[in-house]
Amino acid sequence: MTGLLDATGLVYAAGDTRLVSGVSLDTAAGEVVAVVGPNGAGKSTLLRLLAGDLAPTTGDVRILDEPVAGAALGDLALRRSFLGQHPASDVPFIVSDVVTMGRHPHRGRPENTADADRDAVDSALDATDTQDVANRVFATLSGGEQQRVNVARILAQEAPVTLLDEPTAALDIGHQELVMQSLRTVAGSGGAVVAVLHDLNLAAVFADRVLLLDGGKVVSVGTPQEVLREQNLSSVYRHPVRVIDHPFRDGRLVLPVDE
């Protein structure tokens, strides 16, 4: 596998508080990496550091072996796509135009064509089950529909590295599965995906590796079987859990239990 994203020794401090402390992560082509942990663990801050949306206090992020720090936004957008935690909800454009915005980094490049733009947008709408709202005004959609459109925009961008903060937030169970399958497809086509997830069971089923954070530090990183262990999770989430083999899927099942 070819490494696409490499972060080394990331520290991000706000005043005297370290929100991220000494985090390193390498992500290979073909991988889905889930970042998990309790509220305030530093997950969103880490993702913003990986995306170049925040500059680390110390440490280095490289995508396609090129530094993120100091990169022009247009160049960065060709290397990575980024869906933050709270995207705008009052966008006055129709859905198809919002998804087409994901193609902006490719405009004017000799290898890009109008057909390529159209195919990428159609594929992204199909992958997120948003074709039926393509002509609706984005601001009139439900929260779950808006989230699927935002994911579609990211998919249409077709960047080698895809970074998403809670991509399944506000989605019903069927669309959670659909979005996670679409991210697996991105990885299967040679991309690398890093997603912050609150649903540990989605991480268990769809991720190749899991990065467990607490207090801005890495508690554990490895396969879901290695990381999603009762002792790890009960300690980090400050609540007892049971972890069992999923009865009908390839993965683990995390269940909260009474204290």
C-alpha atoms as a PDB file:
ATOM      1  CA  MET A   1       0.000   0.000   0.000  1.00  0.00           C
ATOM      2  CA  THR A   2       1.109   3.550  -0.740  1.00  0.00           C
ATOM      3  CA  GLY A   3       1.142   6.097   2.073  1.00  0.00           C
ATOM      4  CA  LEU A   4      -0.988   9.140   1.276  1.00  0.00           C
ATOM      5  CA  LEU A   5      -1.143  11.027   4.586  1.00  0.00           C
ATOM      6  CA  ASP A   6       1.596  11.238   7.188  1.00  0.00           C
ATOM      7  CA  ALA A   7       1.267  13.251  10.386  1.00  0.00           C
ATOM      8  CA  THR A   8       4.101  13.312  12.898  1.00  0.00           C
ATOM      9  CA  GLY A   9       4.194  14.583  16.472  1.00  0.00           C
ATOM     10  CA  LEU A  10       1.177  16.864  16.212  1.00  0.00           C
ATOM     11  CA  VAL A  11       0.650  19.249  19.120  1.00  0.00           C
ATOM     12  CA  TYR A  12      -1.998  21.960  19.235  1.00  0.00           C
ATOM     13  CA  ALA A  13      -2.134  24.246  22.240  1.00  0.00           C
ATOM     14  CA  ALA A  14      -4.775  26.842  23.120  1.00  0.00           C
ATOM     15  CA  GLY A  15      -3.132  28.944  25.801  1.00  0.00           C
ATOM     16  CA  ASP A  16      -1.887  26.557  28.457  1.00  0.00           C
ATOM     17  CA  THR A  17      -4.165  23.730  27.306  1.00  0.00           C
ATOM     18  CA  ARG A  18      -2.997  21.091  24.863  1.00  0.00           C
ATOM     19  CA  LEU A  19      -5.983  19.992  22.795  1.00  0.00           C
ATOM     20  CA  VAL A  20      -3.812  17.587  20.788  1.00  0.00           C
ATOM     21  CA  SER A  21      -0.620  16.219  22.267  1.00  0.00           C
ATOM     22  CA  GLY A  22       1.964  14.245  20.328  1.00  0.00           C
ATOM     23  CA  VAL A  23      -0.342  12.527  17.828  1.00  0.00           C
ATOM     24  CA  SER A  24       1.168  10.732  14.840  1.00  0.00           C
ATOM     25  CA  LEU A  25      -0.800   9.011  12.102  1.00  0.00           C
ATOM     26  CA  ASP A  26       0.084   7.513   8.742  1.00  0.00           C
ATOM     27  CA  THR A  27      -2.733   6.560   6.413  1.00  0.00           C
ATOM     28  CA  ALA A  28      -2.254   4.344   3.386  1.00  0.00           C
ATOM     29  CA  ALA A  29      -4.099   4.067   0.107  1.00  0.00           C
ATOM     30  CA  GLY A  30      -7.019   1.703   0.519  1.00  0.00           C
ATOM     31  CA  GLU A  31      -7.554   2.469   4.207  1.00  0.00           C
ATOM     32  CA  VAL A  32     -10.462   3.803   6.206  1.00  0.00           C
ATOM     33  CA  VAL A  33      -9.256   5.107   9.576  1.00  0.00           C
ATOM     34  CA  ALA A  34     -11.840   5.926  12.246  1.00  0.00           C
ATOM     35  CA  VAL A  35     -10.951   8.494  14.909  1.00  0.00           C
ATOM     36  CA  VAL A  36     -12.965   7.827  18.051  1.00  0.00           C
ATOM     37  CA  GLY A  37     -13.053   9.032  21.642  1.00  0.00           C
ATOM     38  CA  PRO A  38     -15.266  10.864  24.127  1.00  0.00           C
ATOM     39  CA  ASN A  39     -16.430  14.453  23.843  1.00  0.00           C
ATOM     40  CA  GLY A  40     -13.491  16.824  24.177  1.00  0.00           C
ATOM     41  CA  ALA A  41     -10.925  14.157  23.275  1.00  0.00           C
ATOM     42  CA  GLY A  42      -9.420  16.313  20.496  1.00  0.00           C
ATOM     43  CA  LYS A  43     -10.919  14.475  17.531  1.00  0.00           C
ATOM     44  CA  SER A  44     -12.166  17.517  15.597  1.00  0.00           C
ATOM     45  CA  THR A  45      -9.010  19.480  16.350  1.00  0.00           C
ATOM     46  CA  LEU A  46      -6.896  16.607  15.044  1.00  0.00           C
ATOM     47  CA  LEU A  47      -8.924  16.422  11.827  1.00  0.00           C
ATOM     48  CA  ARG A  48      -8.544  20.178  11.271  1.00  0.00           C
ATOM     49  CA  LEU A  49      -4.792  19.808  11.740  1.00  0.00           C
ATOM     50  CA  LEU A  50      -4.688  17.002   9.184  1.00  0.00           C
ATOM     51  CA  ALA A  51      -6.696  19.125   6.742  1.00  0.00           C
ATOM     52  CA  GLY A  52      -4.495  22.195   7.143  1.00  0.00           C
ATOM     53  CA  ASP A  53      -7.447  24.125   8.559  1.00  0.00           C
ATOM     54  CA  LEU A  54      -5.379  24.655  11.719  1.00  0.00           C
ATOM     55  CA  ALA A  55      -1.619  25.055  11.994  1.00  0.00           C
ATOM     56  CA  PRO A  56      -0.050  22.791  14.628  1.00  0.00           C
ATOM     57  CA  THR A  57       1.908  24.295  17.478  1.00  0.00           C
ATOM     58  CA  THR A  58       4.518  21.667  16.655  1.00  0.00           C
ATOM     59  CA  GLY A  59       4.547  18.731  14.304  1.00  0.00           C
ATOM     60  CA  ASP A  60       4.163  18.133  10.589  1.00  0.00           C
ATOM     61  CA  VAL A  61       1.443  16.955   8.192  1.00  0.00           C
ATOM     62  CA  ARG A  62       2.248  15.739   4.703  1.00  0.00           C
ATOM     63  CA  ILE A  63      -0.205  14.625   2.018  1.00  0.00           C
ATOM     64  CA  LEU A  64       1.162  12.905  -1.091  1.00  0.00           C
ATOM     65  CA  ASP A  65       4.572  13.577   0.472  1.00  0.00           C
ATOM     66  CA  GLU A  66       4.044  17.334   0.242  1.00  0.00           C
ATOM     67  CA  PRO A  67       3.703  19.556   3.323  1.00  0.00           C
ATOM     68  CA  VAL A  68       0.263  20.856   4.198  1.00  0.00           C
ATOM     69  CA  ALA A  69       1.700  23.912   5.943  1.00  0.00           C
ATOM     70  CA  GLY A  70       1.943  26.848   3.551  1.00  0.00           C
ATOM     71  CA  ALA A  71       0.200  25.055   0.689  1.00  0.00           C
ATOM     72  CA  ALA A  72      -2.019  27.118  -1.594  1.00  0.00           C
ATOM     73  CA  LEU A  73      -5.697  26.331  -1.049  1.00  0.00           C
ATOM     74  CA  GLY A  74      -6.176  25.242  -4.655  1.00  0.00           C
ATOM     75  CA  ASP A  75      -3.285  22.806  -4.466  1.00  0.00           C
ATOM     76  CA  LEU A  76      -4.429  21.523  -1.081  1.00  0.00           C
ATOM     77  CA  ALA A  77      -7.961  20.941  -2.397  1.00  0.00           C
ATOM     78  CA  LEU A  78      -6.565  18.676  -5.109  1.00  0.00           C
ATOM     79  CA  ARG A  79      -4.834  16.559  -2.455  1.00  0.00           C
ATOM     80  CA  ARG A  80      -7.493  16.393   0.236  1.00  0.00           C
ATOM     81  CA  SER A  81     -11.193  17.006   0.761  1.00  0.00           C
ATOM     82  CA  PHE A  82     -12.463  18.092   4.161  1.00  0.00           C
ATOM     83  CA  LEU A  83     -15.925  18.023   5.720  1.00  0.00           C
ATOM     84  CA  GLY A  84     -15.959  19.861   9.029  1.00  0.00           C
ATOM     85  CA  GLN A  85     -18.287  19.299  11.938  1.00  0.00           C
ATOM     86  CA  HIS A  86     -20.659  22.244  11.385  1.00  0.00           C
ATOM     87  CA  PRO A  87     -21.010  23.031   7.662  1.00  0.00           C
ATOM     88  CA  ALA A  88     -23.307  25.893   6.659  1.00  0.00           C
ATOM     89  CA  SER A  89     -26.999  24.993   6.583  1.00  0.00           C
ATOM     90  CA  ASP A  90     -28.485  28.130   4.962  1.00  0.00           C
ATOM     91  CA  VAL A  91     -26.847  27.773   1.545  1.00  0.00           C
ATOM     92  CA  PRO A  92     -29.227  29.366  -1.017  1.00  0.00           C
ATOM     93  CA  PHE A  93     -28.150  27.152  -3.946  1.00  0.00           C
ATOM     94  CA  ILE A  94     -29.832  24.081  -5.381  1.00  0.00           C
ATOM     95  CA  VAL A  95     -28.363  20.751  -4.367  1.00  0.00           C
ATOM     96  CA  SER A  96     -26.776  19.900  -7.716  1.00  0.00           C
ATOM     97  CA  ASP A  97     -24.892  23.214  -7.637  1.00  0.00           C
ATOM     98  CA  VAL A  98     -23.688  22.546  -4.085  1.00  0.00           C
ATOM     99  CA  VAL A  99     -22.323  19.148  -5.101  1.00  0.00           C
ATOM    100  CA  THR A 100     -20.770  20.659  -8.235  1.00  0.00           C
ATOM    101  CA  MET A 101     -18.795  23.018  -5.974  1.00  0.00           C
ATOM    102  CA  GLY A 102     -16.708  19.990  -5.110  1.00  0.00           C
ATOM    103  CA  ARG A 103     -15.347  20.048  -8.661  1.00  0.00           C
ATOM    104  CA  HIS A 104     -13.963  23.586  -8.340  1.00  0.00           C
ATOM    105  CA  PRO A 105     -10.325  22.492  -7.691  1.00  0.00           C
ATOM    106  CA  HIS A 106     -10.347  20.636 -11.029  1.00  0.00           C
ATOM    107  CA  ARG A 107     -11.598  23.561 -13.113  1.00  0.00           C
ATOM    108  CA  GLY A 108      -9.106  24.730 -15.692  1.00  0.00           C
ATOM    109  CA  ARG A 109      -6.880  21.678 -15.380  1.00  0.00           C
ATOM    110  CA  PRO A 110      -6.030  20.227 -18.820  1.00  0.00           C
ATOM    111  CA  GLU A 111      -7.030  16.684 -17.858  1.00  0.00           C
ATOM    112  CA  ASN A 112     -10.469  17.734 -16.601  1.00  0.00           C
ATOM    113  CA  THR A 113     -13.536  17.856 -18.837  1.00  0.00           C
ATOM    114  CA  ALA A 114     -17.170  18.856 -18.519  1.00  0.00           C
ATOM    115  CA  ASP A 115     -18.065  15.172 -18.856  1.00  0.00           C
ATOM    116  CA  ALA A 116     -15.739  14.305 -15.978  1.00  0.00           C
ATOM    117  CA  ASP A 117     -17.398  16.955 -13.811  1.00  0.00           C
ATOM    118  CA  ARG A 118     -20.862  15.719 -14.712  1.00  0.00           C
ATOM    119  CA  ASP A 119     -19.958  12.062 -14.091  1.00  0.00           C
ATOM    120  CA  ALA A 120     -18.372  12.846 -10.717  1.00  0.00           C
ATOM    121  CA  VAL A 121     -21.423  14.811  -9.567  1.00  0.00           C
ATOM    122  CA  ASP A 122     -23.883  12.151 -10.740  1.00  0.00           C
ATOM    123  CA  SER A 123     -21.847   9.416  -9.072  1.00  0.00           C
ATOM    124  CA  ALA A 124     -21.718  11.367  -5.808  1.00  0.00           C
ATOM    125  CA  LEU A 125     -25.478  12.010  -5.863  1.00  0.00           C
ATOM    126  CA  ASP A 126     -26.099   8.304  -6.467  1.00  0.00           C
ATOM    127  CA  ALA A 127     -23.699   7.247  -3.702  1.00  0.00           C
ATOM    128  CA  THR A 128     -25.493   9.412  -1.137  1.00  0.00           C
ATOM    129  CA  ASP A 129     -29.086   8.840  -2.306  1.00  0.00           C
ATOM    130  CA  THR A 130     -29.559  12.522  -3.100  1.00  0.00           C
ATOM    131  CA  GLN A 131     -30.529  12.363  -6.784  1.00  0.00           C
ATOM    132  CA  ASP A 132     -34.179  12.892  -5.830  1.00  0.00           C
ATOM    133  CA  VAL A 133     -33.382  16.221  -4.138  1.00  0.00           C
ATOM    134  CA  ALA A 134     -30.891  17.442  -6.762  1.00  0.00           C
ATOM    135  CA  ASN A 135     -33.187  20.288  -7.831  1.00  0.00           C
ATOM    136  CA  ARG A 136     -34.197  21.339  -4.314  1.00  0.00           C
ATOM    137  CA  VAL A 137     -32.763  24.405  -2.571  1.00  0.00           C
ATOM    138  CA  PHE A 138     -30.183  23.135  -0.069  1.00  0.00           C
ATOM    139  CA  ALA A 139     -31.516  25.320   2.765  1.00  0.00           C
ATOM    140  CA  THR A 140     -34.963  23.671   2.518  1.00  0.00           C
ATOM    141  CA  LEU A 141     -33.655  20.159   3.210  1.00  0.00           C
ATOM    142  CA  SER A 142     -33.763  18.306   6.505  1.00  0.00           C
ATOM    143  CA  GLY A 143     -30.581  18.060   8.553  1.00  0.00           C
ATOM    144  CA  GLY A 144     -29.977  14.497   7.424  1.00  0.00           C
ATOM    145  CA  GLU A 145     -30.533  15.370   3.771  1.00  0.00           C
ATOM    146  CA  GLN A 146     -28.129  18.306   4.059  1.00  0.00           C
ATOM    147  CA  GLN A 147     -25.496  16.056   5.579  1.00  0.00           C
ATOM    148  CA  ARG A 148     -25.792  13.591   2.698  1.00  0.00           C
ATOM    149  CA  VAL A 149     -25.432  16.452   0.206  1.00  0.00           C
ATOM    150  CA  ASN A 150     -22.323  17.664   2.035  1.00  0.00           C
ATOM    151  CA  VAL A 151     -20.851  14.170   1.806  1.00  0.00           C
ATOM    152  CA  ALA A 152     -21.746  14.107  -1.898  1.00  0.00           C
ATOM    153  CA  ARG A 153     -19.832  17.361  -2.420  1.00  0.00           C
ATOM    154  CA  ILE A 154     -16.796  15.808  -0.765  1.00  0.00           C
ATOM    155  CA  LEU A 155     -17.076  12.663  -2.894  1.00  0.00           C
ATOM    156  CA  ALA A 156     -17.377  14.739  -6.090  1.00  0.00           C
ATOM    157  CA  GLN A 157     -14.085  16.437  -5.240  1.00  0.00           C
ATOM    158  CA  GLU A 158     -12.294  13.124  -5.852  1.00  0.00           C
ATOM    159  CA  ALA A 159      -9.264  14.018  -3.744  1.00  0.00           C
ATOM    160  CA  PRO A 160      -6.838  11.219  -2.830  1.00  0.00           C
ATOM    161  CA  VAL A 161      -7.307  11.891   0.902  1.00  0.00           C
ATOM    162  CA  THR A 162     -10.806  12.336   2.334  1.00  0.00           C
ATOM    163  CA  LEU A 163     -11.237  13.820   5.816  1.00  0.00           C
ATOM    164  CA  LEU A 164     -14.671  13.899   7.436  1.00  0.00           C
ATOM    165  CA  ASP A 165     -15.865  14.959  10.871  1.00  0.00           C
ATOM    166  CA  GLU A 166     -18.927  12.955  11.905  1.00  0.00           C
ATOM    167  CA  PRO A 167     -20.135  12.176   8.355  1.00  0.00           C
ATOM    168  CA  THR A 168     -23.025  10.082   9.694  1.00  0.00           C
ATOM    169  CA  ALA A 169     -24.349  12.765  12.074  1.00  0.00           C
ATOM    170  CA  ALA A 170     -28.136  13.244  11.769  1.00  0.00           C
ATOM    171  CA  LEU A 171     -28.475  10.276   9.397  1.00  0.00           C
ATOM    172  CA  ASP A 172     -30.986   7.466   9.790  1.00  0.00           C
ATOM    173  CA  ILE A 173     -29.645   3.941  10.055  1.00  0.00           C
ATOM    174  CA  GLY A 174     -29.997   3.143   6.355  1.00  0.00           C
ATOM    175  CA  HIS A 175     -28.188   6.276   5.241  1.00  0.00           C
ATOM    176  CA  GLN A 176     -25.467   5.745   7.842  1.00  0.00           C
ATOM    177  CA  GLU A 177     -24.739   2.431   6.158  1.00  0.00           C
ATOM    178  CA  LEU A 178     -24.928   4.010   2.690  1.00  0.00           C
ATOM    179  CA  VAL A 179     -22.465   6.786   3.550  1.00  0.00           C
ATOM    180  CA  MET A 180     -20.023   4.394   5.192  1.00  0.00           C
ATOM    181  CA  GLN A 181     -20.216   2.103   2.173  1.00  0.00           C
ATOM    182  CA  SER A 182     -19.438   5.100  -0.054  1.00  0.00           C
ATOM    183  CA  LEU A 183     -16.319   5.804   2.026  1.00  0.00           C
ATOM    184  CA  ARG A 184     -15.264   2.186   1.707  1.00  0.00           C
ATOM    185  CA  THR A 185     -15.663   2.607  -2.062  1.00  0.00           C
ATOM    186  CA  VAL A 186     -13.369   5.658  -1.968  1.00  0.00           C
ATOM    187  CA  ALA A 187     -10.739   3.596  -0.168  1.00  0.00           C
ATOM    188  CA  GLY A 188     -11.290   0.668  -2.512  1.00  0.00           C
ATOM    189  CA  SER A 189     -10.487   2.904  -5.481  1.00  0.00           C
ATOM    190  CA  GLY A 190      -7.109   3.800  -3.963  1.00  0.00           C
ATOM    191  CA  GLY A 191      -7.967   6.703  -1.702  1.00  0.00           C
ATOM    192  CA  ALA A 192      -7.393   7.144   2.011  1.00  0.00           C
ATOM    193  CA  VAL A 193     -10.220   8.094   4.370  1.00  0.00           C
ATOM    194  CA  VAL A 194      -9.978   9.479   7.903  1.00  0.00           C
ATOM    195  CA  ALA A 195     -13.349   9.935   9.612  1.00  0.00           C
ATOM    196  CA  VAL A 196     -14.287  11.055  13.101  1.00  0.00           C
ATOM    197  CA  LEU A 197     -17.054   8.723  14.278  1.00  0.00           C
ATOM    198  CA  HIS A 198     -19.120   8.666  17.437  1.00  0.00           C
ATOM    199  CA  ASP A 199     -20.764   5.360  16.579  1.00  0.00           C
ATOM    200  CA  LEU A 200     -18.250   2.746  17.688  1.00  0.00           C
ATOM    201  CA  ASN A 201     -20.184   0.000  15.936  1.00  0.00           C
ATOM    202  CA  LEU A 202     -19.814   1.737  12.568  1.00  0.00           C
ATOM    203  CA  ALA A 203     -16.091   2.057  13.274  1.00  0.00           C
ATOM    204  CA  ALA A 204     -15.940  -1.642  14.166  1.00  0.00           C
ATOM    205  CA  VAL A 205     -17.522  -2.730  10.890  1.00  0.00           C
ATOM    206  CA  PHE A 206     -16.211  -0.250   8.332  1.00  0.00           C
ATOM    207  CA  ALA A 207     -12.765   0.880   9.530  1.00  0.00           C
ATOM    208  CA  ASP A 208      -9.487  -0.833   8.765  1.00  0.00           C
ATOM    209  CA  ARG A 209      -7.857   0.924  11.705  1.00  0.00           C
ATOM    210  CA  VAL A 210      -9.130   2.847  14.705  1.00  0.00           C
ATOM    211  CA  LEU A 211      -7.371   5.717  16.482  1.00  0.00           C
ATOM    212  CA  LEU A 212      -8.678   6.086  20.044  1.00  0.00           C
ATOM    213  CA  LEU A 213      -8.099   9.518  21.590  1.00  0.00           C
ATOM    214  CA  ASP A 214      -8.565  10.783  25.124  1.00  0.00           C
ATOM    215  CA  GLY A 215      -7.442  14.143  26.446  1.00  0.00           C
ATOM    216  CA  GLY A 216      -5.736  14.905  23.136  1.00  0.00           C
ATOM    217  CA  LYS A 217      -3.490  11.842  23.378  1.00  0.00           C
ATOM    218  CA  VAL A 218      -3.490   8.522  21.561  1.00  0.00           C
ATOM    219  CA  VAL A 219      -4.711   5.768  23.853  1.00  0.00           C
ATOM    220  CA  SER A 220      -4.566   3.042  21.232  1.00  0.00           C
ATOM    221  CA  VAL A 221      -4.276   2.640  17.474  1.00  0.00           C
ATOM    222  CA  GLY A 222      -4.700  -0.530  15.463  1.00  0.00           C
ATOM    223  CA  THR A 223      -7.359  -2.754  13.984  1.00  0.00           C
ATOM    224  CA  PRO A 224     -10.870  -2.540  15.432  1.00  0.00           C
ATOM    225  CA  GLN A 225     -10.254  -5.875  17.165  1.00  0.00           C
ATOM    226  CA  GLU A 226      -7.113  -4.484  18.798  1.00  0.00           C
ATOM    227  CA  VAL A 227      -8.522  -1.115  19.868  1.00  0.00           C
ATOM    228  CA  LEU A 228     -12.199  -1.699  20.624  1.00  0.00           C
ATOM    229  CA  ARG A 229     -11.629  -3.656  23.815  1.00  0.00           C
ATOM    230  CA  GLU A 230     -13.717  -3.494  26.939  1.00  0.00           C
ATOM    231  CA  GLN A 231     -10.932  -2.194  29.174  1.00  0.00           C
ATOM    232  CA  ASN A 232      -9.878   0.506  26.689  1.00  0.00           C
ATOM    233  CA  LEU A 233     -13.396   1.773  26.043  1.00  0.00           C
ATOM    234  CA  SER A 234     -14.705   1.558  29.603  1.00  0.00           C
ATOM    235  CA  SER A 235     -11.729   3.588  30.806  1.00  0.00           C
ATOM    236  CA  VAL A 236     -11.829   6.227  28.079  1.00  0.00           C
ATOM    237  CA  TYR A 237     -15.599   6.717  28.032  1.00  0.00           C
ATOM    238  CA  ARG A 238     -15.919   6.502  31.811  1.00  0.00           C
ATOM    239  CA  HIS A 239     -18.753   4.014  31.428  1.00  0.00           C
ATOM    240  CA  PRO A 240     -18.671   0.198  31.392  1.00  0.00           C
ATOM    241  CA  VAL A 241     -19.146  -1.529  28.059  1.00  0.00           C
ATOM    242  CA  ARG A 242     -19.260  -5.066  26.754  1.00  0.00           C
ATOM    243  CA  VAL A 243     -17.575  -5.913  23.457  1.00  0.00           C
ATOM    244  CA  ILE A 244     -18.724  -9.068  21.704  1.00  0.00           C
ATOM    245  CA  ASP A 245     -18.382 -10.570  18.250  1.00  0.00           C
ATOM    246  CA  HIS A 246     -21.125  -9.260  15.996  1.00  0.00           C
ATOM    247  CA  PRO A 247     -23.698 -12.030  15.536  1.00  0.00           C
ATOM    248  CA  PHE A 248     -23.977 -11.660  11.755  1.00  0.00           C
ATOM    249  CA  ARG A 249     -21.340  -9.188  10.525  1.00  0.00           C
ATOM    250  CA  ASP A 250     -17.580  -9.306  10.377  1.00  0.00           C
ATOM    251  CA  GLY A 251     -16.683  -7.066  13.302  1.00  0.00           C
ATOM    252  CA  ARG A 252     -17.215  -6.293  16.960  1.00  0.00           C
ATOM    253  CA  LEU A 253     -20.314  -5.040  18.716  1.00  0.00           C
ATOM    254  CA  VAL A 254     -19.959  -2.467  21.519  1.00  0.00           C
ATOM    255  CA  LEU A 255     -22.754  -2.405  24.090  1.00  0.00           C
ATOM    256  CA  PRO A 256     -23.095  -0.091  27.114  1.00  0.00           C
ATOM    257  CA  VAL A 257     -23.981  -1.836  30.357  1.00  0.00           C
ATOM    258  CA  ASP A 258     -25.435  -0.711  33.660  1.00  0.00           C
ATOM    259  CA  GLU A 259     -22.896   0.674  36.084  1.00  0.00           C
END
